[in-house]
Amino acid sequence: MLKILLPLVFVLLASPATSEDHAILVPDQPAALISVAPAYRYTLIAELDEGKLHVFEKKIDNSFQLIRSMDISIGLSGHGKQIEGDNKTPVGVYCITSH
């Protein structure tokens, strides 16, 4: 069982981020990790088009290490939620601070 401590950042991407998305990139790390606030030890990145969830842990040098990837399901109608009940998965960045 994977145990993740809060707070964390959850990033839902419609498609994988590319180097064109950010001016500065860390080698071998997803562009979506660049803007993660220092307070967050864990970041979950969901690649909705690929159906994958990646769990990253921040290391002491502020780089991120991939600790697990797994398959996920998305809403029955895909992604890009517009209204409640549209059966779509929302896309965006969410900070989770408690449960």
C-alpha atoms as a PDB file:
ATOM      1  CA  MET A   1       0.000   0.000   0.000  1.00  0.00           C
ATOM      2  CA  LEU A   2       1.276   3.442  -0.958  1.00  0.00           C
ATOM      3  CA  LYS A   3       1.003   5.965   1.899  1.00  0.00           C
ATOM      4  CA  ILE A   4       1.082   9.640   0.912  1.00  0.00           C
ATOM      5  CA  LEU A   5       1.120  12.450   3.459  1.00  0.00           C
ATOM      6  CA  LEU A   6      -0.855  15.661   3.009  1.00  0.00           C
ATOM      7  CA  PRO A   7      -0.590  18.369   1.824  1.00  0.00           C
ATOM      8  CA  LEU A   8      -0.077  17.441  -1.800  1.00  0.00           C
ATOM      9  CA  VAL A   9      -0.689  18.807  -5.279  1.00  0.00           C
ATOM     10  CA  PHE A  10      -2.893  16.951  -7.768  1.00  0.00           C
ATOM     11  CA  VAL A  11      -2.402  17.935 -11.425  1.00  0.00           C
ATOM     12  CA  LEU A  12      -4.870  16.664 -14.032  1.00  0.00           C
ATOM     13  CA  LEU A  13      -3.516  17.105 -17.560  1.00  0.00           C
ATOM     14  CA  ALA A  14      -5.588  16.682 -20.714  1.00  0.00           C
ATOM     15  CA  SER A  15      -2.377  15.741 -22.521  1.00  0.00           C
ATOM     16  CA  PRO A  16       1.245  15.401 -21.388  1.00  0.00           C
ATOM     17  CA  ALA A  17       2.999  18.729 -20.786  1.00  0.00           C
ATOM     18  CA  THR A  18       5.779  19.554 -23.219  1.00  0.00           C
ATOM     19  CA  SER A  19       8.875  21.706 -23.067  1.00  0.00           C
ATOM     20  CA  GLU A  20       6.974  24.466 -24.894  1.00  0.00           C
ATOM     21  CA  ASP A  21       4.701  24.782 -21.837  1.00  0.00           C
ATOM     22  CA  HIS A  22       7.442  26.178 -19.586  1.00  0.00           C
ATOM     23  CA  ALA A  23      10.495  28.341 -20.082  1.00  0.00           C
ATOM     24  CA  ILE A  24      12.587  26.350 -17.596  1.00  0.00           C
ATOM     25  CA  LEU A  25      12.622  22.565 -17.442  1.00  0.00           C
ATOM     26  CA  VAL A  26      14.304  20.142 -15.072  1.00  0.00           C
ATOM     27  CA  PRO A  27      15.884  17.303 -17.072  1.00  0.00           C
ATOM     28  CA  ASP A  28      13.893  14.040 -17.034  1.00  0.00           C
ATOM     29  CA  GLN A  29      10.981  15.524 -15.098  1.00  0.00           C
ATOM     30  CA  PRO A  30       7.484  16.457 -16.289  1.00  0.00           C
ATOM     31  CA  ALA A  31       7.051  20.157 -16.989  1.00  0.00           C
ATOM     32  CA  ALA A  32       4.034  20.212 -14.652  1.00  0.00           C
ATOM     33  CA  LEU A  33       6.401  19.806 -11.678  1.00  0.00           C
ATOM     34  CA  ILE A  34       8.187  23.107 -12.323  1.00  0.00           C
ATOM     35  CA  SER A  35       5.665  25.324 -10.550  1.00  0.00           C
ATOM     36  CA  VAL A  36       4.943  23.103  -7.503  1.00  0.00           C
ATOM     37  CA  ALA A  37       5.204  25.112  -4.298  1.00  0.00           C
ATOM     38  CA  PRO A  38       7.994  24.123  -1.885  1.00  0.00           C
ATOM     39  CA  ALA A  39       5.465  23.179   0.829  1.00  0.00           C
ATOM     40  CA  TYR A  40       4.234  20.153  -1.115  1.00  0.00           C
ATOM     41  CA  ARG A  41       6.208  16.946  -0.658  1.00  0.00           C
ATOM     42  CA  TYR A  42       4.070  14.860  -3.027  1.00  0.00           C
ATOM     43  CA  THR A  43       2.608  15.594  -6.437  1.00  0.00           C
ATOM     44  CA  LEU A  44       0.128  13.394  -8.266  1.00  0.00           C
ATOM     45  CA  ILE A  45      -0.002  13.891 -12.022  1.00  0.00           C
ATOM     46  CA  ALA A  46      -2.861  12.346 -13.976  1.00  0.00           C
ATOM     47  CA  GLU A  47      -2.353  12.068 -17.727  1.00  0.00           C
ATOM     48  CA  LEU A  48      -5.989  11.766 -18.731  1.00  0.00           C
ATOM     49  CA  ASP A  49      -5.416  10.958 -22.417  1.00  0.00           C
ATOM     50  CA  GLU A  50      -3.000   8.192 -21.417  1.00  0.00           C
ATOM     51  CA  GLY A  51      -5.075   6.908 -18.473  1.00  0.00           C
ATOM     52  CA  LYS A  52      -2.092   7.066 -16.102  1.00  0.00           C
ATOM     53  CA  LEU A  53      -1.517   8.447 -12.608  1.00  0.00           C
ATOM     54  CA  HIS A  54       2.066   9.195 -11.553  1.00  0.00           C
ATOM     55  CA  VAL A  55       3.108   9.796  -7.935  1.00  0.00           C
ATOM     56  CA  PHE A  56       6.185  11.979  -7.423  1.00  0.00           C
ATOM     57  CA  GLU A  57       8.000  12.718  -4.165  1.00  0.00           C
ATOM     58  CA  LYS A  58      10.106  15.854  -3.747  1.00  0.00           C
ATOM     59  CA  LYS A  59      13.698  15.159  -2.771  1.00  0.00           C
ATOM     60  CA  ILE A  60      15.945  17.327  -0.597  1.00  0.00           C
ATOM     61  CA  ASP A  61      17.430  19.050  -3.683  1.00  0.00           C
ATOM     62  CA  ASN A  62      13.853  20.011  -4.773  1.00  0.00           C
ATOM     63  CA  SER A  63      13.901  17.609  -7.730  1.00  0.00           C
ATOM     64  CA  PHE A  64      11.169  14.987  -7.932  1.00  0.00           C
ATOM     65  CA  GLN A  65      11.441  11.222  -7.969  1.00  0.00           C
ATOM     66  CA  LEU A  66       8.768   9.071  -9.579  1.00  0.00           C
ATOM     67  CA  ILE A  67       7.730   6.579  -6.911  1.00  0.00           C
ATOM     68  CA  ARG A  68       4.781   4.900  -8.632  1.00  0.00           C
ATOM     69  CA  SER A  69       2.658   4.916 -11.799  1.00  0.00           C
ATOM     70  CA  MET A  70      -0.710   3.228 -12.185  1.00  0.00           C
ATOM     71  CA  ASP A  71      -3.633   2.948 -14.588  1.00  0.00           C
ATOM     72  CA  ILE A  72      -6.688   5.141 -13.937  1.00  0.00           C
ATOM     73  CA  SER A  73     -10.188   5.610 -15.313  1.00  0.00           C
ATOM     74  CA  ILE A  74     -11.732   8.934 -16.245  1.00  0.00           C
ATOM     75  CA  GLY A  75     -15.325  10.157 -16.530  1.00  0.00           C
ATOM     76  CA  LEU A  76     -17.703   8.325 -18.866  1.00  0.00           C
ATOM     77  CA  SER A  77     -17.707  11.365 -21.197  1.00  0.00           C
ATOM     78  CA  GLY A  78     -13.945  11.992 -21.130  1.00  0.00           C
ATOM     79  CA  HIS A  79     -12.343  15.077 -19.614  1.00  0.00           C
ATOM     80  CA  GLY A  80     -12.877  18.832 -19.627  1.00  0.00           C
ATOM     81  CA  LYS A  81     -15.642  19.158 -17.031  1.00  0.00           C
ATOM     82  CA  GLN A  82     -17.948  22.128 -17.645  1.00  0.00           C
ATOM     83  CA  ILE A  83     -20.870  21.547 -15.275  1.00  0.00           C
ATOM     84  CA  GLU A  84     -21.734  19.238 -12.394  1.00  0.00           C
ATOM     85  CA  GLY A  85     -23.151  15.954 -13.613  1.00  0.00           C
ATOM     86  CA  ASP A  86     -21.646  16.052 -17.139  1.00  0.00           C
ATOM     87  CA  ASN A  87     -19.734  12.781 -16.438  1.00  0.00           C
ATOM     88  CA  LYS A  88     -16.419  14.427 -17.368  1.00  0.00           C
ATOM     89  CA  THR A  89     -13.195  14.515 -15.371  1.00  0.00           C
ATOM     90  CA  PRO A  90     -12.035  18.036 -14.435  1.00  0.00           C
ATOM     91  CA  VAL A  91      -8.681  19.287 -15.705  1.00  0.00           C
ATOM     92  CA  GLY A  92      -6.501  21.550 -13.561  1.00  0.00           C
ATOM     93  CA  VAL A  93      -4.265  21.857 -10.521  1.00  0.00           C
ATOM     94  CA  TYR A  94      -5.726  21.077  -7.118  1.00  0.00           C
ATOM     95  CA  CYS A  95      -4.023  21.513  -3.731  1.00  0.00           C
ATOM     96  CA  ILE A  96      -5.183  18.906  -1.228  1.00  0.00           C
ATOM     97  CA  THR A  97      -4.511  19.992   2.340  1.00  0.00           C
ATOM     98  CA  SER A  98      -6.719  17.675   4.436  1.00  0.00           C
ATOM     99  CA  HIS A  99      -8.982  14.661   4.240  1.00  0.00           C
END
